[in-house]
Amino acid sequence: MGWLKITLGFVFSMVVFGLLVFYWFMPFNSIEFISPPPSNGNFSLNSSLMPEMQFYPNMRYPSYNITYSLDSNSCSLKKMDDAKTAFGMLQNLTVLNFYQVDSNADISVTCDNKVVINENYFVAGEGGPVNITKTEDFDVIEKGKVLLLRDSNCQTPNIAVHEILHALGFKHSTNPGNIMYPVTSCDETIGQEIPELIDNLYSIPSYPDLAFDSASAIIQGRYLDTNVTVSNVGLKDTPDAAYLLIYANGYNVDSEVVPLIPLGGGLTFSLKNVWVPAANVDELTYVLATNFTEISQKNNQVKLEIKKY
């Protein structure tokens, strides 16, 4: 009888152990999670005129410090002087700072009528952005071009101001008295709306900004499968790596390195069979942990919701 008790005890122990293993490791239910609806962006610049004044809303360069170059081979001294004066006028009226450089400028000024500007880059007249990166909150201008073909006989360099404003993202105005009116005259003025909009746009600091584009997950038993897309929606490249932290019912179940992401860039994490020790998970939280300054950290966390059928 003793051996029978031992055998039954052993069998019972194995059954209990097997049930525990099944409970802890084998999927027995499935829960699907989805991210909440996306927001409309982090910023509201409160300008009803913005869509009418710019090619796209929120067009700006990464920084309020903007470099420019002058092509002395094609531009006369008069046109180069007009351009310098125009940059100085806009600097005096706004928070922008303009600096002349010899090469690799943010805005290049030329006077060669053989230069062709690609129409696909939303060029208006003889100036405009030629390299744009679209993010959640901004259309970031990385390069602009100004082509000065006509001589100005005005006391102020209205033609140069007009074309530089095109390179800053401004389109034509229907107001005959505005500097952005298609037909340039000496009586047109910059007014207050353009400087106010520029100051408003460039009030946002030139930092990167990591954000969640989307996130979804399925927990089967104690295993998590998830897809997460992270993007840099800020105004410059991230200077250092970050971390993606995943929490289930408040318990950290995974940590992934987020490499450096360029302005407007992003990447997707597809993770499989992440062990989740907690049973009956009803809350998944994803966090982006950074050690650098961002425009906003409000978009560094997202809580997934259980999908309702």
Protein backbone atom coordinates (compact mmCIF):
# COMPACT_ATOMS: atom_id res chain seq x y z
CA MET A 1 0.00 0.00 0.00
CA GLY A 2 2.90 2.32 0.74
CA TRP A 3 4.11 2.25 -2.82
CA LEU A 4 0.56 2.98 -4.04
CA LYS A 5 0.31 6.10 -1.86
CA ILE A 6 3.68 7.23 -3.12
CA THR A 7 2.63 6.65 -6.71
CA LEU A 8 -0.70 8.44 -6.27
CA GLY A 9 1.03 11.29 -4.52
CA PHE A 10 3.53 11.58 -7.34
CA VAL A 11 0.79 11.52 -9.96
CA PHE A 12 -1.20 14.14 -8.06
CA SER A 13 1.88 16.37 -7.79
CA MET A 14 2.55 16.04 -11.52
CA VAL A 15 -1.05 16.89 -12.32
CA VAL A 16 -0.93 19.97 -10.10
CA PHE A 17 2.41 20.98 -11.59
CA GLY A 18 1.05 20.48 -15.09
CA LEU A 19 -1.98 22.61 -14.33
CA LEU A 20 0.25 25.35 -12.93
CA VAL A 21 2.44 25.23 -16.02
CA PHE A 22 -0.64 25.39 -18.22
CA TYR A 23 -2.00 28.32 -16.19
CA TRP A 24 1.23 30.26 -16.27
CA PHE A 25 2.52 29.55 -19.73
CA MET A 26 -0.21 28.33 -22.06
CA PRO A 27 -2.67 30.73 -23.73
CA PHE A 28 -6.21 30.19 -22.62
CA ASN A 29 -7.87 33.48 -23.46
CA SER A 30 -7.31 36.30 -25.93
CA ILE A 31 -7.70 40.05 -25.35
CA GLU A 32 -7.20 42.62 -28.11
CA PHE A 33 -6.08 46.18 -27.33
CA ILE A 34 -6.10 49.26 -29.56
CA SER A 35 -4.81 52.83 -29.14
CA PRO A 36 -7.33 55.65 -28.63
CA PRO A 37 -8.18 57.95 -31.55
CA PRO A 38 -5.28 60.28 -32.46
CA SER A 39 -5.31 63.87 -31.30
CA ASN A 40 -5.27 66.83 -33.66
CA GLY A 41 -1.67 67.64 -32.79
CA ASN A 42 0.04 69.25 -29.86
CA PHE A 43 -0.34 72.85 -30.84
CA SER A 44 -3.01 75.30 -31.80
CA LEU A 45 -1.46 78.49 -33.06
CA ASN A 46 -4.80 80.29 -33.04
CA SER A 47 -4.71 81.96 -36.40
CA SER A 48 -7.74 81.85 -38.68
CA LEU A 49 -5.64 83.50 -41.39
CA MET A 50 -2.93 80.83 -41.40
CA PRO A 51 -4.46 78.55 -44.07
CA GLU A 52 -4.97 81.56 -46.32
CA MET A 53 -1.51 83.03 -45.83
CA GLN A 54 0.68 79.96 -46.28
CA PHE A 55 0.98 77.16 -48.82
CA TYR A 56 0.24 74.78 -45.94
CA PRO A 57 -0.56 75.54 -42.29
CA ASN A 58 2.37 75.80 -39.89
CA MET A 59 5.13 76.16 -42.47
CA ARG A 60 8.43 77.16 -40.89
CA TYR A 61 12.15 76.42 -40.82
CA PRO A 62 13.50 74.25 -37.99
CA SER A 63 15.03 77.27 -36.24
CA TYR A 64 14.43 81.00 -36.15
CA ASN A 65 18.14 81.35 -37.01
CA ILE A 66 18.08 81.09 -40.80
CA THR A 67 21.09 81.25 -43.10
CA TYR A 68 21.12 82.64 -46.63
CA SER A 69 23.59 82.81 -49.48
CA LEU A 70 23.92 85.28 -52.38
CA ASP A 71 25.10 84.22 -55.82
CA SER A 72 27.58 86.95 -56.69
CA ASN A 73 28.19 85.37 -60.10
CA SER A 74 24.63 85.98 -61.30
CA CYS A 75 23.40 88.84 -59.11
CA SER A 76 24.31 92.48 -59.57
CA LEU A 77 25.47 94.53 -56.60
CA LYS A 78 22.05 96.23 -56.61
CA LYS A 79 20.14 92.95 -56.36
CA MET A 80 22.45 91.60 -53.65
CA ASP A 81 22.00 94.82 -51.71
CA ASP A 82 18.21 94.55 -52.13
CA ALA A 83 18.29 91.00 -50.78
CA LYS A 84 20.40 91.97 -47.77
CA THR A 85 18.10 94.91 -47.03
CA ALA A 86 15.01 92.68 -47.36
CA PHE A 87 16.42 90.10 -44.93
CA GLY A 88 17.25 92.94 -42.54
CA MET A 89 13.71 94.35 -42.75
CA LEU A 90 12.15 90.98 -41.93
CA GLN A 91 14.62 90.46 -39.09
CA ASN A 92 13.68 93.82 -37.58
CA LEU A 93 9.96 93.02 -37.77
CA THR A 94 10.06 89.45 -36.43
CA VAL A 95 11.89 87.04 -34.13
CA LEU A 96 13.82 85.67 -37.12
CA ASN A 97 17.58 86.08 -37.37
CA PHE A 98 19.21 85.89 -40.79
CA TYR A 99 22.90 85.13 -41.34
CA GLN A 100 24.79 85.23 -44.62
CA VAL A 101 26.94 82.19 -45.42
CA ASP A 102 28.93 81.09 -48.45
CA SER A 103 27.42 77.63 -48.95
CA ASN A 104 24.79 75.15 -47.76
CA ALA A 105 22.41 77.95 -46.82
CA ASP A 106 18.81 77.50 -45.73
CA ILE A 107 17.76 80.04 -48.37
CA SER A 108 19.79 80.50 -51.53
CA VAL A 109 19.40 83.69 -53.57
CA THR A 110 20.32 83.66 -57.24
CA CYS A 111 19.62 85.90 -60.22
CA ASP A 112 20.34 83.50 -63.07
CA ASN A 113 17.30 83.28 -65.33
CA LYS A 114 18.46 79.83 -66.49
CA VAL A 115 17.81 78.38 -63.03
CA VAL A 116 14.75 76.13 -63.05
CA ILE A 117 12.82 75.64 -59.79
CA ASN A 118 10.84 72.40 -59.62
CA GLU A 119 7.12 73.19 -59.63
CA ASN A 120 6.44 70.15 -57.46
CA TYR A 121 7.89 72.04 -54.52
CA PHE A 122 5.03 74.52 -54.31
CA VAL A 123 7.01 77.43 -55.73
CA ALA A 124 5.04 80.64 -56.30
CA GLY A 125 6.41 83.42 -58.44
CA GLU A 126 10.19 83.38 -58.23
CA GLY A 127 10.76 82.01 -54.77
CA GLY A 128 9.56 79.26 -52.49
CA PRO A 129 10.37 76.22 -50.36
CA VAL A 130 12.22 73.47 -52.23
CA ASN A 131 12.54 70.85 -49.48
CA ILE A 132 9.67 70.23 -47.05
CA THR A 133 9.24 67.59 -44.35
CA LYS A 134 5.69 67.07 -43.11
CA THR A 135 5.19 66.19 -39.45
CA GLU A 136 2.13 65.99 -37.21
CA ASP A 137 2.23 69.69 -36.31
CA PHE A 138 4.40 71.37 -38.92
CA ASP A 139 5.42 71.42 -42.55
CA VAL A 140 9.11 71.98 -41.90
CA ILE A 141 11.00 73.88 -44.60
CA GLU A 142 14.57 72.64 -44.83
CA LYS A 143 15.61 74.54 -47.96
CA GLY A 144 14.26 77.57 -49.79
CA LYS A 145 15.20 79.35 -53.01
CA VAL A 146 14.83 82.93 -54.17
CA LEU A 147 15.24 83.90 -57.82
CA LEU A 148 15.58 87.65 -58.34
CA LEU A 149 15.03 88.38 -62.02
CA ARG A 150 13.39 91.80 -61.98
CA ASP A 151 15.03 95.02 -60.89
CA SER A 152 13.25 97.05 -58.22
CA ASN A 153 12.93 100.80 -58.60
CA CYS A 154 11.12 101.21 -55.27
CA GLN A 155 12.61 102.94 -52.24
CA THR A 156 12.23 99.65 -50.36
CA PRO A 157 13.16 96.28 -51.96
CA ASN A 158 9.57 95.04 -52.27
CA ILE A 159 10.41 92.41 -54.89
CA ALA A 160 13.10 90.84 -52.71
CA VAL A 161 10.84 90.92 -49.62
CA HIS A 162 8.02 89.32 -51.65
CA GLU A 163 10.21 86.44 -52.87
CA ILE A 164 11.86 85.86 -49.49
CA LEU A 165 8.41 85.57 -47.91
CA HIS A 166 7.58 82.94 -50.53
CA ALA A 167 10.68 81.05 -49.37
CA LEU A 168 9.33 81.36 -45.80
CA GLY A 169 6.14 79.57 -46.85
CA PHE A 170 3.83 82.49 -47.68
CA LYS A 171 1.67 82.44 -50.79
CA HIS A 172 0.08 85.27 -52.75
CA SER A 173 -2.46 87.57 -51.16
CA THR A 174 -5.64 88.90 -52.74
CA ASN A 175 -5.14 92.25 -50.99
CA PRO A 176 -3.65 94.78 -53.48
CA GLY A 177 -2.01 96.65 -50.62
CA ASN A 178 -0.22 93.58 -49.26
CA ILE A 179 3.42 92.83 -50.06
CA MET A 180 2.34 89.34 -51.21
CA TYR A 181 -0.02 90.62 -53.90
CA PRO A 182 0.98 88.97 -57.23
CA VAL A 183 1.65 92.31 -58.97
CA THR A 184 4.38 94.17 -57.13
CA SER A 185 4.23 97.92 -56.69
CA CYS A 186 6.05 100.39 -54.49
CA ASP A 187 2.94 101.09 -52.38
CA GLU A 188 2.55 97.58 -50.96
CA THR A 189 3.40 96.98 -47.30
CA ILE A 190 4.18 93.99 -45.11
CA GLY A 191 1.48 94.92 -42.60
CA GLN A 192 1.05 93.30 -39.18
CA GLU A 193 -0.46 89.91 -40.02
CA ILE A 194 2.66 88.40 -41.60
CA PRO A 195 5.08 89.35 -38.74
CA GLU A 196 2.52 88.22 -36.14
CA LEU A 197 2.12 84.84 -37.83
CA ILE A 198 5.89 84.41 -38.16
CA ASP A 199 6.40 85.19 -34.45
CA ASN A 200 3.60 82.80 -33.56
CA LEU A 201 5.03 79.98 -35.67
CA TYR A 202 8.55 80.39 -34.33
CA SER A 203 7.42 80.62 -30.71
CA ILE A 204 7.68 76.81 -30.62
CA PRO A 205 11.26 75.87 -29.62
CA SER A 206 13.48 73.95 -32.05
CA TYR A 207 13.50 70.57 -30.32
CA PRO A 208 12.74 67.02 -31.43
CA ASP A 209 9.45 65.47 -30.35
CA LEU A 210 8.89 61.73 -30.15
CA ALA A 211 5.30 60.58 -30.35
CA PHE A 212 3.24 57.43 -30.79
CA ASP A 213 1.68 57.13 -34.23
CA SER A 214 -0.19 53.93 -33.48
CA ALA A 215 -0.20 50.95 -31.15
CA SER A 216 -2.12 47.70 -31.05
CA ALA A 217 -1.74 44.49 -29.05
CA ILE A 218 -3.14 41.04 -28.41
CA ILE A 219 -2.61 39.15 -25.18
CA GLN A 220 -3.11 35.41 -25.50
CA GLY A 221 -2.90 33.87 -22.08
CA ARG A 222 0.35 35.26 -20.72
CA TYR A 223 1.92 36.30 -24.01
CA LEU A 224 1.81 39.74 -25.61
CA ASP A 225 2.06 40.43 -29.34
CA THR A 226 2.19 44.12 -30.21
CA ASN A 227 2.90 46.56 -33.03
CA VAL A 228 4.00 50.08 -32.07
CA THR A 229 4.95 52.94 -34.41
CA VAL A 230 7.03 55.82 -33.04
CA SER A 231 7.77 59.03 -34.99
CA ASN A 232 9.75 62.22 -34.56
CA VAL A 233 7.15 64.95 -35.12
CA GLY A 234 9.38 67.77 -33.85
CA LEU A 235 11.68 70.28 -35.50
CA LYS A 236 15.07 68.53 -35.45
CA ASP A 237 16.64 65.06 -35.32
CA THR A 238 16.72 63.28 -31.99
CA PRO A 239 20.20 63.72 -30.44
CA ASP A 240 20.21 60.46 -28.51
CA ALA A 241 18.46 57.12 -28.19
CA ALA A 242 15.27 56.70 -26.16
CA TYR A 243 13.46 53.73 -24.61
CA LEU A 244 10.07 52.21 -25.29
CA LEU A 245 8.65 50.88 -22.01
CA ILE A 246 5.59 48.61 -21.94
CA TYR A 247 3.52 48.20 -18.79
CA ALA A 248 0.76 45.64 -18.18
CA ASN A 249 -1.44 46.50 -15.20
CA GLY A 250 1.36 48.81 -14.04
CA TYR A 251 4.10 46.15 -14.25
CA ASN A 252 7.00 46.73 -16.66
CA VAL A 253 7.02 43.74 -19.06
CA ASP A 254 9.40 44.98 -21.76
CA SER A 255 11.96 47.67 -22.64
CA GLU A 256 13.17 48.40 -26.17
CA VAL A 257 15.84 50.81 -27.39
CA VAL A 258 14.52 53.51 -29.73
CA PRO A 259 17.44 54.55 -31.97
CA LEU A 260 18.08 58.07 -33.22
CA ILE A 261 15.16 59.20 -35.42
CA PRO A 262 15.55 62.02 -37.97
CA LEU A 263 13.06 64.83 -38.33
CA GLY A 264 9.89 63.41 -39.88
CA GLY A 265 11.17 59.84 -39.55
CA GLY A 266 9.71 56.91 -37.67
CA LEU A 267 9.97 53.19 -37.00
CA THR A 268 7.70 50.30 -36.07
CA PHE A 269 8.31 47.73 -33.34
CA SER A 270 6.76 44.31 -33.95
CA LEU A 271 7.16 42.32 -30.76
CA LYS A 272 6.08 38.69 -30.31
CA ASN A 273 5.58 36.47 -27.27
CA VAL A 274 6.44 39.04 -24.61
CA TRP A 275 5.91 37.33 -21.26
CA VAL A 276 3.22 38.98 -19.11
CA PRO A 277 3.25 37.74 -15.50
CA ALA A 278 -0.02 39.40 -14.53
CA ALA A 279 -3.30 37.56 -15.12
CA ASN A 280 -6.43 39.23 -16.51
CA VAL A 281 -4.66 42.27 -17.92
CA ASP A 282 -7.05 45.16 -18.47
CA GLU A 283 -4.57 47.99 -18.98
CA LEU A 284 -1.56 48.37 -21.28
CA THR A 285 0.53 51.54 -21.09
CA TYR A 286 3.33 52.46 -23.49
CA VAL A 287 5.89 55.10 -22.48
CA LEU A 288 8.71 56.81 -24.39
CA ALA A 289 11.51 57.57 -21.94
CA THR A 290 13.98 60.20 -23.18
CA ASN A 291 16.97 61.99 -21.70
CA PHE A 292 16.81 64.96 -24.07
CA THR A 293 14.53 67.98 -24.24
CA GLU A 294 11.43 67.63 -26.40
CA ILE A 295 8.84 70.11 -27.61
CA SER A 296 6.25 68.24 -25.57
CA GLN A 297 6.14 65.09 -23.47
CA LYS A 298 2.33 64.89 -23.51
CA ASN A 299 2.58 62.51 -26.46
CA ASN A 300 5.19 60.26 -24.76
CA GLN A 301 2.57 58.00 -23.24
CA VAL A 302 -0.43 56.13 -24.58
CA LYS A 303 -2.86 53.83 -22.80
CA LEU A 304 -4.35 51.11 -24.95
CA GLU A 305 -8.02 50.29 -24.64
CA ILE A 306 -9.63 46.86 -24.79
CA LYS A 307 -11.22 46.55 -28.21
CA LYS A 308 -14.98 46.39 -28.07
CA TYR A 309 -16.72 44.27 -30.67
